[in-house]
Amino acid sequence: MLKFTEDHEWLRAEGDELIVGITRHASEQLGDVVFIELPEEGREVSAGEDIVVIESVKAASDIAAPVAGVITAVNTALADAPGDVNADPMAAWFFRIKPTDGTDLDGFMDEAAYNEMVS
């Protein structure tokens, strides 16, 4: 089940972790992505902390951790192929995080609410 943040991130629970990426809307707003800086595995982060840097032909942007937790994996393939975010943003995940307080996603938007927000 996908959930969404107001910052245009998508979240998918898998076991006791969340997989995090950006939405198609966000990738379209950014334009062609040319560089991505990912967080280090094992890093403890706070909710709202900027942990990813994305640079596109239009702008530089940060992605914040949607929840507090520990980064358990990063998609290193994006460092070599940042354009994958534009090609398929729902498949081009950035990081996996093990939340400090479990994977309860009730506080995030479902797809209908997100689509209404961006329309």
PDB file of N, CA and C in Angstrom:
ATOM      1  N   MET A   1       0.840  -1.180   0.000  1.00  0.00           N
ATOM      2  CA  MET A   1       0.000   0.000   0.000  1.00  0.00           C
ATOM      3  C   MET A   1       0.885   1.244   0.000  1.00  0.00           C
ATOM      4  N   LEU A   2       0.648   2.141  -0.944  1.00  0.00           N
ATOM      5  CA  LEU A   2       1.409   3.377  -1.035  1.00  0.00           C
ATOM      6  C   LEU A   2       0.759   4.472  -0.213  1.00  0.00           C
ATOM      7  N   LYS A   3       1.594   5.279   0.398  1.00  0.00           N
ATOM      8  CA  LYS A   3       1.159   6.501   1.073  1.00  0.00           C
ATOM      9  C   LYS A   3       2.030   7.628   0.553  1.00  0.00           C
ATOM     10  N   PHE A   4       1.584   8.856   0.784  1.00  0.00           N
ATOM     11  CA  PHE A   4       2.256  10.018   0.224  1.00  0.00           C
ATOM     12  C   PHE A   4       2.403  11.118   1.272  1.00  0.00           C
ATOM     13  N   THR A   5       3.466  11.930   1.109  1.00  0.00           N
ATOM     14  CA  THR A   5       3.678  13.061   2.006  1.00  0.00           C
ATOM     15  C   THR A   5       3.340  14.357   1.270  1.00  0.00           C
ATOM     16  N   GLU A   6       3.174  15.428   2.022  1.00  0.00           N
ATOM     17  CA  GLU A   6       2.946  16.729   1.420  1.00  0.00           C
ATOM     18  C   GLU A   6       4.180  17.226   0.685  1.00  0.00           C
ATOM     19  N   ASP A   7       5.326  16.608   0.949  1.00  0.00           N
ATOM     20  CA  ASP A   7       6.582  16.975   0.281  1.00  0.00           C
ATOM     21  C   ASP A   7       6.818  16.148  -0.978  1.00  0.00           C
ATOM     22  N   HIS A   8       5.780  15.457  -1.458  1.00  0.00           N
ATOM     23  CA  HIS A   8       5.818  14.711  -2.718  1.00  0.00           C
ATOM     24  C   HIS A   8       6.722  13.473  -2.669  1.00  0.00           C
ATOM     25  N   GLU A   9       6.742  12.829  -1.523  1.00  0.00           N
ATOM     26  CA  GLU A   9       7.425  11.553  -1.389  1.00  0.00           C
ATOM     27  C   GLU A   9       6.380  10.444  -1.351  1.00  0.00           C
ATOM     28  N   TRP A  10       6.744   9.288  -1.875  1.00  0.00           N
ATOM     29  CA  TRP A  10       5.889   8.108  -1.712  1.00  0.00           C
ATOM     30  C   TRP A  10       6.566   7.182  -0.709  1.00  0.00           C
ATOM     31  N   LEU A  11       5.734   6.461   0.033  1.00  0.00           N
ATOM     32  CA  LEU A  11       6.207   5.537   1.060  1.00  0.00           C
ATOM     33  C   LEU A  11       5.515   4.200   0.859  1.00  0.00           C
ATOM     34  N   ARG A  12       6.295   3.129   0.965  1.00  0.00           N
ATOM     35  CA  ARG A  12       5.707   1.795   0.884  1.00  0.00           C
ATOM     36  C   ARG A  12       6.297   0.960   2.012  1.00  0.00           C
ATOM     37  N   ALA A  13       5.422   0.416   2.856  1.00  0.00           N
ATOM     38  CA  ALA A  13       5.879  -0.437   3.957  1.00  0.00           C
ATOM     39  C   ALA A  13       6.245  -1.801   3.403  1.00  0.00           C
ATOM     40  N   GLU A  14       7.380  -2.310   3.859  1.00  0.00           N
ATOM     41  CA  GLU A  14       7.811  -3.659   3.506  1.00  0.00           C
ATOM     42  C   GLU A  14       8.453  -4.254   4.752  1.00  0.00           C
ATOM     43  N   GLY A  15       7.733  -5.154   5.392  1.00  0.00           N
ATOM     44  CA  GLY A  15       8.205  -5.681   6.674  1.00  0.00           C
ATOM     45  C   GLY A  15       8.214  -4.569   7.701  1.00  0.00           C
ATOM     46  N   ASP A  16       9.333  -4.416   8.396  1.00  0.00           N
ATOM     47  CA  ASP A  16       9.420  -3.359   9.409  1.00  0.00           C
ATOM     48  C   ASP A  16      10.159  -2.133   8.891  1.00  0.00           C
ATOM     49  N   GLU A  17      10.220  -1.993   7.555  1.00  0.00           N
ATOM     50  CA  GLU A  17      10.895  -0.857   6.940  1.00  0.00           C
ATOM     51  C   GLU A  17       9.955  -0.109   6.005  1.00  0.00           C
ATOM     52  N   LEU A  18      10.346   1.121   5.680  1.00  0.00           N
ATOM     53  CA  LEU A  18       9.654   1.909   4.667  1.00  0.00           C
ATOM     54  C   LEU A  18      10.611   2.138   3.511  1.00  0.00           C
ATOM     55  N   ILE A  19      10.100   1.997   2.313  1.00  0.00           N
ATOM     56  CA  ILE A  19      10.850   2.345   1.113  1.00  0.00           C
ATOM     57  C   ILE A  19      10.353   3.725   0.700  1.00  0.00           C
ATOM     58  N   VAL A  20      11.294   4.627   0.356  1.00  0.00           N
ATOM     59  CA  VAL A  20      10.931   6.020   0.099  1.00  0.00           C
ATOM     60  C   VAL A  20      11.468   6.472  -1.261  1.00  0.00           C
ATOM     61  N   GLY A  21      10.603   7.158  -2.005  1.00  0.00           N
ATOM     62  CA  GLY A  21      10.990   7.759  -3.282  1.00  0.00           C
ATOM     63  C   GLY A  21      10.206   9.038  -3.483  1.00  0.00           C
ATOM     64  N   ILE A  22      10.329   9.638  -4.666  1.00  0.00           N
ATOM     65  CA  ILE A  22       9.537  10.834  -4.953  1.00  0.00           C
ATOM     66  C   ILE A  22       8.483  10.499  -6.002  1.00  0.00           C
ATOM     67  N   THR A  23       7.446  11.296  -6.024  1.00  0.00           N
ATOM     68  CA  THR A  23       6.309  11.054  -6.909  1.00  0.00           C
ATOM     69  C   THR A  23       6.594  11.534  -8.331  1.00  0.00           C
ATOM     70  N   ARG A  24       5.775  11.083  -9.251  1.00  0.00           N
ATOM     71  CA  ARG A  24       5.870  11.541 -10.640  1.00  0.00           C
ATOM     72  C   ARG A  24       5.710  13.063 -10.694  1.00  0.00           C
ATOM     73  N   HIS A  25       4.778  13.598  -9.926  1.00  0.00           N
ATOM     74  CA  HIS A  25       4.581  15.049  -9.896  1.00  0.00           C
ATOM     75  C   HIS A  25       5.883  15.750  -9.524  1.00  0.00           C
ATOM     76  N   ALA A  26       6.563  15.263  -8.501  1.00  0.00           N
ATOM     77  CA  ALA A  26       7.823  15.875  -8.067  1.00  0.00           C
ATOM     78  C   ALA A  26       8.876  15.776  -9.157  1.00  0.00           C
ATOM     79  N   SER A  27       8.987  14.619  -9.796  1.00  0.00           N
ATOM     80  CA  SER A  27      10.007  14.465 -10.836  1.00  0.00           C
ATOM     81  C   SER A  27       9.715  15.368 -12.031  1.00  0.00           C
ATOM     82  N   GLU A  28       8.443  15.567 -12.342  1.00  0.00           N
ATOM     83  CA  GLU A  28       8.079  16.471 -13.443  1.00  0.00           C
ATOM     84  C   GLU A  28       8.399  17.915 -13.091  1.00  0.00           C
ATOM     85  N   GLN A  29       8.177  18.296 -11.845  1.00  0.00           N
ATOM     86  CA  GLN A  29       8.479  19.658 -11.404  1.00  0.00           C
ATOM     87  C   GLN A  29       9.989  19.924 -11.410  1.00  0.00           C
ATOM     88  N   LEU A  30      10.761  18.903 -11.069  1.00  0.00           N
ATOM     89  CA  LEU A  30      12.216  19.056 -11.046  1.00  0.00           C
ATOM     90  C   LEU A  30      12.816  19.161 -12.444  1.00  0.00           C
ATOM     91  N   GLY A  31      12.246  18.467 -13.405  1.00  0.00           N
ATOM     92  CA  GLY A  31      12.867  18.376 -14.722  1.00  0.00           C
ATOM     93  C   GLY A  31      13.909  17.269 -14.710  1.00  0.00           C
ATOM     94  N   ASP A  32      14.812  17.298 -15.662  1.00  0.00           N
ATOM     95  CA  ASP A  32      15.805  16.233 -15.809  1.00  0.00           C
ATOM     96  C   ASP A  32      16.754  16.206 -14.615  1.00  0.00           C
ATOM     97  N   VAL A  33      16.739  15.104 -13.873  1.00  0.00           N
ATOM     98  CA  VAL A  33      17.600  14.938 -12.708  1.00  0.00           C
ATOM     99  C   VAL A  33      19.002  14.561 -13.186  1.00  0.00           C
ATOM    100  N   VAL A  34      20.018  15.298 -12.687  1.00  0.00           N
ATOM    101  CA  VAL A  34      21.390  15.079 -13.143  1.00  0.00           C
ATOM    102  C   VAL A  34      22.326  14.598 -12.032  1.00  0.00           C
ATOM    103  N   PHE A  35      21.911  14.728 -10.761  1.00  0.00           N
ATOM    104  CA  PHE A  35      22.774  14.324  -9.648  1.00  0.00           C
ATOM    105  C   PHE A  35      21.908  14.013  -8.434  1.00  0.00           C
ATOM    106  N   ILE A  36      22.284  12.952  -7.704  1.00  0.00           N
ATOM    107  CA  ILE A  36      21.590  12.601  -6.462  1.00  0.00           C
ATOM    108  C   ILE A  36      22.635  12.240  -5.414  1.00  0.00           C
ATOM    109  N   GLU A  37      22.523  12.861  -4.250  1.00  0.00           N
ATOM    110  CA  GLU A  37      23.375  12.516  -3.109  1.00  0.00           C
ATOM    111  C   GLU A  37      22.504  11.820  -2.072  1.00  0.00           C
ATOM    112  N   LEU A  38      22.848  10.571  -1.773  1.00  0.00           N
ATOM    113  CA  LEU A  38      22.058   9.739  -0.867  1.00  0.00           C
ATOM    114  C   LEU A  38      22.665   9.720   0.533  1.00  0.00           C
ATOM    115  N   PRO A  39      21.863   9.411   1.536  1.00  0.00           N
ATOM    116  CA  PRO A  39      22.407   9.310   2.905  1.00  0.00           C
ATOM    117  C   PRO A  39      23.229   8.034   3.063  1.00  0.00           C
ATOM    118  N   GLU A  40      23.982   7.959   4.140  1.00  0.00           N
ATOM    119  CA  GLU A  40      24.770   6.762   4.420  1.00  0.00           C
ATOM    120  C   GLU A  40      23.906   5.726   5.122  1.00  0.00           C
ATOM    121  N   GLU A  41      24.120   4.459   4.762  1.00  0.00           N
ATOM    122  CA  GLU A  41      23.444   3.374   5.469  1.00  0.00           C
ATOM    123  C   GLU A  41      23.886   3.395   6.927  1.00  0.00           C
ATOM    124  N   GLY A  42      22.947   3.109   7.813  1.00  0.00           N
ATOM    125  CA  GLY A  42      23.237   3.093   9.238  1.00  0.00           C
ATOM    126  C   GLY A  42      23.046   4.432   9.912  1.00  0.00           C
ATOM    127  N   ARG A  43      22.804   5.480   9.142  1.00  0.00           N
ATOM    128  CA  ARG A  43      22.626   6.822   9.705  1.00  0.00           C
ATOM    129  C   ARG A  43      21.291   6.920  10.429  1.00  0.00           C
ATOM    130  N   GLU A  44      21.312   7.466  11.635  1.00  0.00           N
ATOM    131  CA  GLU A  44      20.074   7.750  12.365  1.00  0.00           C
ATOM    132  C   GLU A  44      19.598   9.130  11.950  1.00  0.00           C
ATOM    133  N   VAL A  45      18.307   9.225  11.625  1.00  0.00           N
ATOM    134  CA  VAL A  45      17.746  10.494  11.152  1.00  0.00           C
ATOM    135  C   VAL A  45      16.491  10.842  11.939  1.00  0.00           C
ATOM    136  N   SER A  46      16.204  12.119  11.958  1.00  0.00           N
ATOM    137  CA  SER A  46      14.986  12.629  12.596  1.00  0.00           C
ATOM    138  C   SER A  46      13.935  12.876  11.526  1.00  0.00           C
ATOM    139  N   ALA A  47      12.676  12.789  11.882  1.00  0.00           N
ATOM    140  CA  ALA A  47      11.601  13.121  10.947  1.00  0.00           C
ATOM    141  C   ALA A  47      11.764  14.567  10.515  1.00  0.00           C
ATOM    142  N   GLY A  48      11.685  14.817   9.219  1.00  0.00           N
ATOM    143  CA  GLY A  48      11.810  16.168   8.692  1.00  0.00           C
ATOM    144  C   GLY A  48      13.242  16.585   8.386  1.00  0.00           C
ATOM    145  N   GLU A  49      14.217  15.758   8.751  1.00  0.00           N
ATOM    146  CA  GLU A  49      15.628  16.079   8.486  1.00  0.00           C
ATOM    147  C   GLU A  49      15.936  15.875   7.001  1.00  0.00           C
ATOM    148  N   ASP A  50      16.571  16.872   6.369  1.00  0.00           N
ATOM    149  CA  ASP A  50      16.963  16.740   4.969  1.00  0.00           C
ATOM    150  C   ASP A  50      18.083  15.718   4.856  1.00  0.00           C
ATOM    151  N   ILE A  51      17.853  14.674   4.042  1.00  0.00           N
ATOM    152  CA  ILE A  51      18.864  13.610   3.965  1.00  0.00           C
ATOM    153  C   ILE A  51      19.259  13.234   2.537  1.00  0.00           C
ATOM    154  N   VAL A  52      18.552  13.731   1.538  1.00  0.00           N
ATOM    155  CA  VAL A  52      18.897  13.470   0.140  1.00  0.00           C
ATOM    156  C   VAL A  52      18.953  14.810  -0.586  1.00  0.00           C
ATOM    157  N   VAL A  53      19.942  14.963  -1.462  1.00  0.00           N
ATOM    158  CA  VAL A  53      20.028  16.137  -2.317  1.00  0.00           C
ATOM    159  C   VAL A  53      19.801  15.679  -3.751  1.00  0.00           C
ATOM    160  N   ILE A  54      18.894  16.369  -4.436  1.00  0.00           N
ATOM    161  CA  ILE A  54      18.619  16.088  -5.845  1.00  0.00           C
ATOM    162  C   ILE A  54      18.914  17.356  -6.622  1.00  0.00           C
ATOM    163  N   GLU A  55      19.705  17.225  -7.675  1.00  0.00           N
ATOM    164  CA  GLU A  55      19.957  18.361  -8.554  1.00  0.00           C
ATOM    165  C   GLU A  55      19.408  18.028  -9.935  1.00  0.00           C
ATOM    166  N   SER A  56      18.711  19.006 -10.486  1.00  0.00           N
ATOM    167  CA  SER A  56      18.163  18.844 -11.830  1.00  0.00           C
ATOM    168  C   SER A  56      18.631  20.012 -12.678  1.00  0.00           C
ATOM    169  N   VAL A  57      18.238  20.006 -13.936  1.00  0.00           N
ATOM    170  CA  VAL A  57      18.601  21.116 -14.802  1.00  0.00           C
ATOM    171  C   VAL A  57      17.909  22.409 -14.361  1.00  0.00           C
ATOM    172  N   LYS A  58      16.846  22.294 -13.583  1.00  0.00           N
ATOM    173  CA  LYS A  58      16.093  23.461 -13.117  1.00  0.00           C
ATOM    174  C   LYS A  58      16.506  23.948 -11.739  1.00  0.00           C
ATOM    175  N   ALA A  59      16.802  23.022 -10.822  1.00  0.00           N
ATOM    176  CA  ALA A  59      16.992  23.425  -9.426  1.00  0.00           C
ATOM    177  C   ALA A  59      17.651  22.314  -8.618  1.00  0.00           C
ATOM    178  N   ALA A  60      18.034  22.691  -7.406  1.00  0.00           N
ATOM    179  CA  ALA A  60      18.482  21.697  -6.426  1.00  0.00           C
ATOM    180  C   ALA A  60      17.393  21.609  -5.375  1.00  0.00           C
ATOM    181  N   SER A  61      17.186  20.405  -4.861  1.00  0.00           N
ATOM    182  CA  SER A  61      16.112  20.181  -3.904  1.00  0.00           C
ATOM    183  C   SER A  61      16.567  19.160  -2.880  1.00  0.00           C
ATOM    184  N   ASP A  62      15.947  19.206  -1.715  1.00  0.00           N
ATOM    185  CA  ASP A  62      16.246  18.244  -0.665  1.00  0.00           C
ATOM    186  C   ASP A  62      15.051  17.336  -0.444  1.00  0.00           C
ATOM    187  N   ILE A  63      15.333  16.111  -0.020  1.00  0.00           N
ATOM    188  CA  ILE A  63      14.287  15.186   0.411  1.00  0.00           C
ATOM    189  C   ILE A  63      14.505  14.961   1.899  1.00  0.00           C
ATOM    190  N   ALA A  64      13.426  15.108   2.648  1.00  0.00           N
ATOM    191  CA  ALA A  64      13.491  14.940   4.099  1.00  0.00           C
ATOM    192  C   ALA A  64      13.040  13.540   4.485  1.00  0.00           C
ATOM    193  N   ALA A  65      13.556  13.077   5.598  1.00  0.00           N
ATOM    194  CA  ALA A  65      13.103  11.797   6.146  1.00  0.00           C
ATOM    195  C   ALA A  65      11.652  11.957   6.581  1.00  0.00           C
ATOM    196  N   PRO A  66      10.752  11.091   6.129  1.00  0.00           N
ATOM    197  CA  PRO A  66       9.345  11.215   6.502  1.00  0.00           C
ATOM    198  C   PRO A  66       9.081  10.808   7.957  1.00  0.00           C
ATOM    199  N   VAL A  67       9.986   9.999   8.508  1.00  0.00           N
ATOM    200  CA  VAL A  67       9.859   9.516   9.886  1.00  0.00           C
ATOM    201  C   VAL A  67      11.255   9.456  10.496  1.00  0.00           C
ATOM    202  N   ALA A  68      11.314   9.383  11.813  1.00  0.00           N
ATOM    203  CA  ALA A  68      12.587   9.157  12.495  1.00  0.00           C
ATOM    204  C   ALA A  68      12.944   7.684  12.374  1.00  0.00           C
ATOM    205  N   GLY A  69      14.241   7.398  12.230  1.00  0.00           N
ATOM    206  CA  GLY A  69      14.654   6.005  12.141  1.00  0.00           C
ATOM    207  C   GLY A  69      16.084   5.866  11.688  1.00  0.00           C
ATOM    208  N   VAL A  70      16.400   4.672  11.204  1.00  0.00           N
ATOM    209  CA  VAL A  70      17.750   4.349  10.740  1.00  0.00           C
ATOM    210  C   VAL A  70      17.682   3.980   9.262  1.00  0.00           C
ATOM    211  N   ILE A  71      18.562   4.568   8.461  1.00  0.00           N
ATOM    212  CA  ILE A  71      18.646   4.237   7.041  1.00  0.00           C
ATOM    213  C   ILE A  71      19.246   2.838   6.927  1.00  0.00           C
ATOM    214  N   THR A  72      18.499   1.921   6.327  1.00  0.00           N
ATOM    215  CA  THR A  72      18.965   0.536   6.237  1.00  0.00           C
ATOM    216  C   THR A  72      19.533   0.190   4.862  1.00  0.00           C
ATOM    217  N   ALA A  73      19.178   0.957   3.835  1.00  0.00           N
ATOM    218  CA  ALA A  73      19.690   0.714   2.485  1.00  0.00           C
ATOM    219  C   ALA A  73      19.488   1.967   1.652  1.00  0.00           C
ATOM    220  N   VAL A  74      20.353   2.134   0.662  1.00  0.00           N
ATOM    221  CA  VAL A  74      20.198   3.224  -0.300  1.00  0.00           C
ATOM    222  C   VAL A  74      20.298   2.642  -1.702  1.00  0.00           C
ATOM    223  N   ASN A  75      19.651   3.281  -2.645  1.00  0.00           N
ATOM    224  CA  ASN A  75      19.642   2.823  -4.029  1.00  0.00           C
ATOM    225  C   ASN A  75      20.849   3.432  -4.744  1.00  0.00           C
ATOM    226  N   THR A  76      21.998   2.786  -4.610  1.00  0.00           N
ATOM    227  CA  THR A  76      23.244   3.322  -5.167  1.00  0.00           C
ATOM    228  C   THR A  76      23.202   3.425  -6.686  1.00  0.00           C
ATOM    229  N   ALA A  77      22.332   2.677  -7.343  1.00  0.00           N
ATOM    230  CA  ALA A  77      22.218   2.757  -8.799  1.00  0.00           C
ATOM    231  C   ALA A  77      21.813   4.160  -9.241  1.00  0.00           C
ATOM    232  N   LEU A  78      21.106   4.902  -8.387  1.00  0.00           N
ATOM    233  CA  LEU A  78      20.686   6.260  -8.746  1.00  0.00           C
ATOM    234  C   LEU A  78      21.864   7.221  -8.856  1.00  0.00           C
ATOM    235  N   ALA A  79      22.947   6.946  -8.145  1.00  0.00           N
ATOM    236  CA  ALA A  79      24.124   7.805  -8.236  1.00  0.00           C
ATOM    237  C   ALA A  79      24.703   7.756  -9.655  1.00  0.00           C
ATOM    238  N   ASP A  80      24.660   6.570 -10.269  1.00  0.00           N
ATOM    239  CA  ASP A  80      25.180   6.403 -11.630  1.00  0.00           C
ATOM    240  C   ASP A  80      24.152   6.735 -12.699  1.00  0.00           C
ATOM    241  N   ALA A  81      22.879   6.621 -12.365  1.00  0.00           N
ATOM    242  CA  ALA A  81      21.807   6.847 -13.339  1.00  0.00           C
ATOM    243  C   ALA A  81      20.686   7.681 -12.707  1.00  0.00           C
ATOM    244  N   PRO A  82      20.970   8.949 -12.369  1.00  0.00           N
ATOM    245  CA  PRO A  82      19.939   9.762 -11.709  1.00  0.00           C
ATOM    246  C   PRO A  82      18.694   9.982 -12.568  1.00  0.00           C
ATOM    247  N   GLY A  83      18.829   9.866 -13.877  1.00  0.00           N
ATOM    248  CA  GLY A  83      17.687  10.031 -14.766  1.00  0.00           C
ATOM    249  C   GLY A  83      16.620   8.966 -14.587  1.00  0.00           C
ATOM    250  N   ASP A  84      16.954   7.873 -13.905  1.00  0.00           N
ATOM    251  CA  ASP A  84      15.951   6.840 -13.634  1.00  0.00           C
ATOM    252  C   ASP A  84      14.772   7.418 -12.859  1.00  0.00           C
ATOM    253  N   VAL A  85      15.021   8.464 -12.085  1.00  0.00           N
ATOM    254  CA  VAL A  85      13.950   9.113 -11.324  1.00  0.00           C
ATOM    255  C   VAL A  85      12.917   9.701 -12.277  1.00  0.00           C
ATOM    256  N   ASN A  86      13.374  10.246 -13.398  1.00  0.00           N
ATOM    257  CA  ASN A  86      12.453  10.809 -14.380  1.00  0.00           C
ATOM    258  C   ASN A  86      11.758   9.714 -15.177  1.00  0.00           C
ATOM    259  N   ALA A  87      12.487   8.644 -15.476  1.00  0.00           N
ATOM    260  CA  ALA A  87      11.929   7.573 -16.305  1.00  0.00           C
ATOM    261  C   ALA A  87      10.812   6.832 -15.579  1.00  0.00           C
ATOM    262  N   ASP A  88      11.012   6.519 -14.310  1.00  0.00           N
ATOM    263  CA  ASP A  88      10.000   5.784 -13.541  1.00  0.00           C
ATOM    264  C   ASP A  88      10.149   6.115 -12.058  1.00  0.00           C
ATOM    265  N   PRO A  89       9.633   7.263 -11.621  1.00  0.00           N
ATOM    266  CA  PRO A  89       9.826   7.686 -10.238  1.00  0.00           C
ATOM    267  C   PRO A  89       9.221   6.748  -9.195  1.00  0.00           C
ATOM    268  N   MET A  90       8.228   5.979  -9.575  1.00  0.00           N
ATOM    269  CA  MET A  90       7.617   5.070  -8.603  1.00  0.00           C
ATOM    270  C   MET A  90       8.458   3.803  -8.413  1.00  0.00           C
ATOM    271  N   ALA A  91       9.415   3.568  -9.291  1.00  0.00           N
ATOM    272  CA  ALA A  91      10.319   2.424  -9.141  1.00  0.00           C
ATOM    273  C   ALA A  91      11.688   2.848  -8.628  1.00  0.00           C
ATOM    274  N   ALA A  92      12.038   4.110  -8.839  1.00  0.00           N
ATOM    275  CA  ALA A  92      13.366   4.616  -8.478  1.00  0.00           C
ATOM    276  C   ALA A  92      13.378   5.082  -7.017  1.00  0.00           C
ATOM    277  N   TRP A  93      13.395   4.136  -6.098  1.00  0.00           N
ATOM    278  CA  TRP A  93      13.406   4.460  -4.676  1.00  0.00           C
ATOM    279  C   TRP A  93      14.765   5.047  -4.291  1.00  0.00           C
ATOM    280  N   PHE A  94      14.762   5.840  -3.225  1.00  0.00           N
ATOM    281  CA  PHE A  94      15.980   6.490  -2.764  1.00  0.00           C
ATOM    282  C   PHE A  94      16.620   5.758  -1.583  1.00  0.00           C
ATOM    283  N   PHE A  95      15.787   5.446  -0.586  1.00  0.00           N
ATOM    284  CA  PHE A  95      16.336   4.795   0.604  1.00  0.00           C
ATOM    285  C   PHE A  95      15.271   3.975   1.296  1.00  0.00           C
ATOM    286  N   ARG A  96      15.748   3.074   2.148  1.00  0.00           N
ATOM    287  CA  ARG A  96      14.888   2.296   3.043  1.00  0.00           C
ATOM    288  C   ARG A  96      15.205   2.771   4.447  1.00  0.00           C
ATOM    289  N   ILE A  97      14.161   2.886   5.259  1.00  0.00           N
ATOM    290  CA  ILE A  97      14.340   3.358   6.627  1.00  0.00           C
ATOM    291  C   ILE A  97      13.565   2.455   7.576  1.00  0.00           C
ATOM    292  N   LYS A  98      14.211   2.126   8.680  1.00  0.00           N
ATOM    293  CA  LYS A  98      13.528   1.374   9.739  1.00  0.00           C
ATOM    294  C   LYS A  98      13.079   2.405  10.764  1.00  0.00           C
ATOM    295  N   PRO A  99      11.771   2.692  10.802  1.00  0.00           N
ATOM    296  CA  PRO A  99      11.269   3.732  11.698  1.00  0.00           C
ATOM    297  C   PRO A  99      11.483   3.386  13.174  1.00  0.00           C
ATOM    298  N   THR A 100      11.763   4.411  13.931  1.00  0.00           N
ATOM    299  CA  THR A 100      11.916   4.270  15.374  1.00  0.00           C
ATOM    300  C   THR A 100      10.607   3.802  16.008  1.00  0.00           C
ATOM    301  N   ASP A 101       9.482   4.298  15.484  1.00  0.00           N
ATOM    302  CA  ASP A 101       8.176   4.011  16.082  1.00  0.00           C
ATOM    303  C   ASP A 101       7.319   3.075  15.244  1.00  0.00           C
ATOM    304  N   GLY A 102       7.921   2.176  14.487  1.00  0.00           N
ATOM    305  CA  GLY A 102       7.138   1.238  13.685  1.00  0.00           C
ATOM    306  C   GLY A 102       6.706   1.825  12.358  1.00  0.00           C
ATOM    307  N   THR A 103       6.026   1.024  11.557  1.00  0.00           N
ATOM    308  CA  THR A 103       5.693   1.427  10.189  1.00  0.00           C
ATOM    309  C   THR A 103       4.241   1.872  10.039  1.00  0.00           C
ATOM    310  N   ASP A 104       3.683   2.492  11.047  1.00  0.00           N
ATOM    311  CA  ASP A 104       2.309   2.977  10.973  1.00  0.00           C
ATOM    312  C   ASP A 104       2.246   4.161  10.001  1.00  0.00           C
ATOM    313  N   LEU A 105       1.467   4.015   8.944  1.00  0.00           N
ATOM    314  CA  LEU A 105       1.390   5.044   7.905  1.00  0.00           C
ATOM    315  C   LEU A 105       0.090   5.839   7.946  1.00  0.00           C
ATOM    316  N   ASP A 106      -0.654   5.736   9.032  1.00  0.00           N
ATOM    317  CA  ASP A 106      -1.952   6.401   9.105  1.00  0.00           C
ATOM    318  C   ASP A 106      -1.866   7.916   8.960  1.00  0.00           C
ATOM    319  N   GLY A 107      -0.749   8.519   9.321  1.00  0.00           N
ATOM    320  CA  GLY A 107      -0.628   9.970   9.262  1.00  0.00           C
ATOM    321  C   GLY A 107      -0.314  10.512   7.879  1.00  0.00           C
ATOM    322  N   PHE A 108      -0.199   9.623   6.886  1.00  0.00           N
ATOM    323  CA  PHE A 108       0.147  10.053   5.542  1.00  0.00           C
ATOM    324  C   PHE A 108      -1.050   9.926   4.614  1.00  0.00           C
ATOM    325  N   MET A 109      -0.990  10.603   3.464  1.00  0.00           N
ATOM    326  CA  MET A 109      -2.109  10.612   2.519  1.00  0.00           C
ATOM    327  C   MET A 109      -2.168   9.334   1.691  1.00  0.00           C
ATOM    328  N   ASP A 110      -3.394   8.942   1.326  1.00  0.00           N
ATOM    329  CA  ASP A 110      -3.531   7.880   0.341  1.00  0.00           C
ATOM    330  C   ASP A 110      -3.429   8.524  -1.045  1.00  0.00           C
ATOM    331  N   GLU A 111      -3.481   7.696  -2.086  1.00  0.00           N
ATOM    332  CA  GLU A 111      -3.271   8.213  -3.443  1.00  0.00           C
ATOM    333  C   GLU A 111      -4.340   9.224  -3.853  1.00  0.00           C
ATOM    334  N   ALA A 112      -5.578   8.993  -3.488  1.00  0.00           N
ATOM    335  CA  ALA A 112      -6.654   9.912  -3.843  1.00  0.00           C
ATOM    336  C   ALA A 112      -6.434  11.289  -3.211  1.00  0.00           C
ATOM    337  N   ALA A 113      -6.068  11.309  -1.950  1.00  0.00           N
ATOM    338  CA  ALA A 113      -5.825  12.587  -1.264  1.00  0.00           C
ATOM    339  C   ALA A 113      -4.613  13.300  -1.865  1.00  0.00           C
ATOM    340  N   TYR A 114      -3.578  12.540  -2.191  1.00  0.00           N
ATOM    341  CA  TYR A 114      -2.390  13.160  -2.808  1.00  0.00           C
ATOM    342  C   TYR A 114      -2.742  13.751  -4.175  1.00  0.00           C
ATOM    343  N   ASN A 115      -3.457  12.997  -4.993  1.00  0.00           N
ATOM    344  CA  ASN A 115      -3.836  13.488  -6.318  1.00  0.00           C
ATOM    345  C   ASN A 115      -4.686  14.740  -6.214  1.00  0.00           C
ATOM    346  N   GLU A 116      -5.551  14.799  -5.208  1.00  0.00           N
ATOM    347  CA  GLU A 116      -6.367  15.998  -5.008  1.00  0.00           C
ATOM    348  C   GLU A 116      -5.485  17.178  -4.620  1.00  0.00           C
ATOM    349  N   MET A 117      -4.469  16.935  -3.808  1.00  0.00           N
ATOM    350  CA  MET A 117      -3.567  18.009  -3.367  1.00  0.00           C
ATOM    351  C   MET A 117      -2.807  18.614  -4.548  1.00  0.00           C
ATOM    352  N   VAL A 118      -2.360  17.778  -5.485  1.00  0.00           N
ATOM    353  CA  VAL A 118      -1.532  18.285  -6.586  1.00  0.00           C
ATOM    354  C   VAL A 118      -2.342  18.742  -7.796  1.00  0.00           C
ATOM    355  N   SER A 119      -3.634  18.512  -7.782  1.00  0.00           N
ATOM    356  CA  SER A 119      -4.434  18.917  -8.946  1.00  0.00           C
ATOM    357  C   SER A 119      -4.835  20.374  -8.868  1.00  0.00           C
TER     358      SER A 119
END
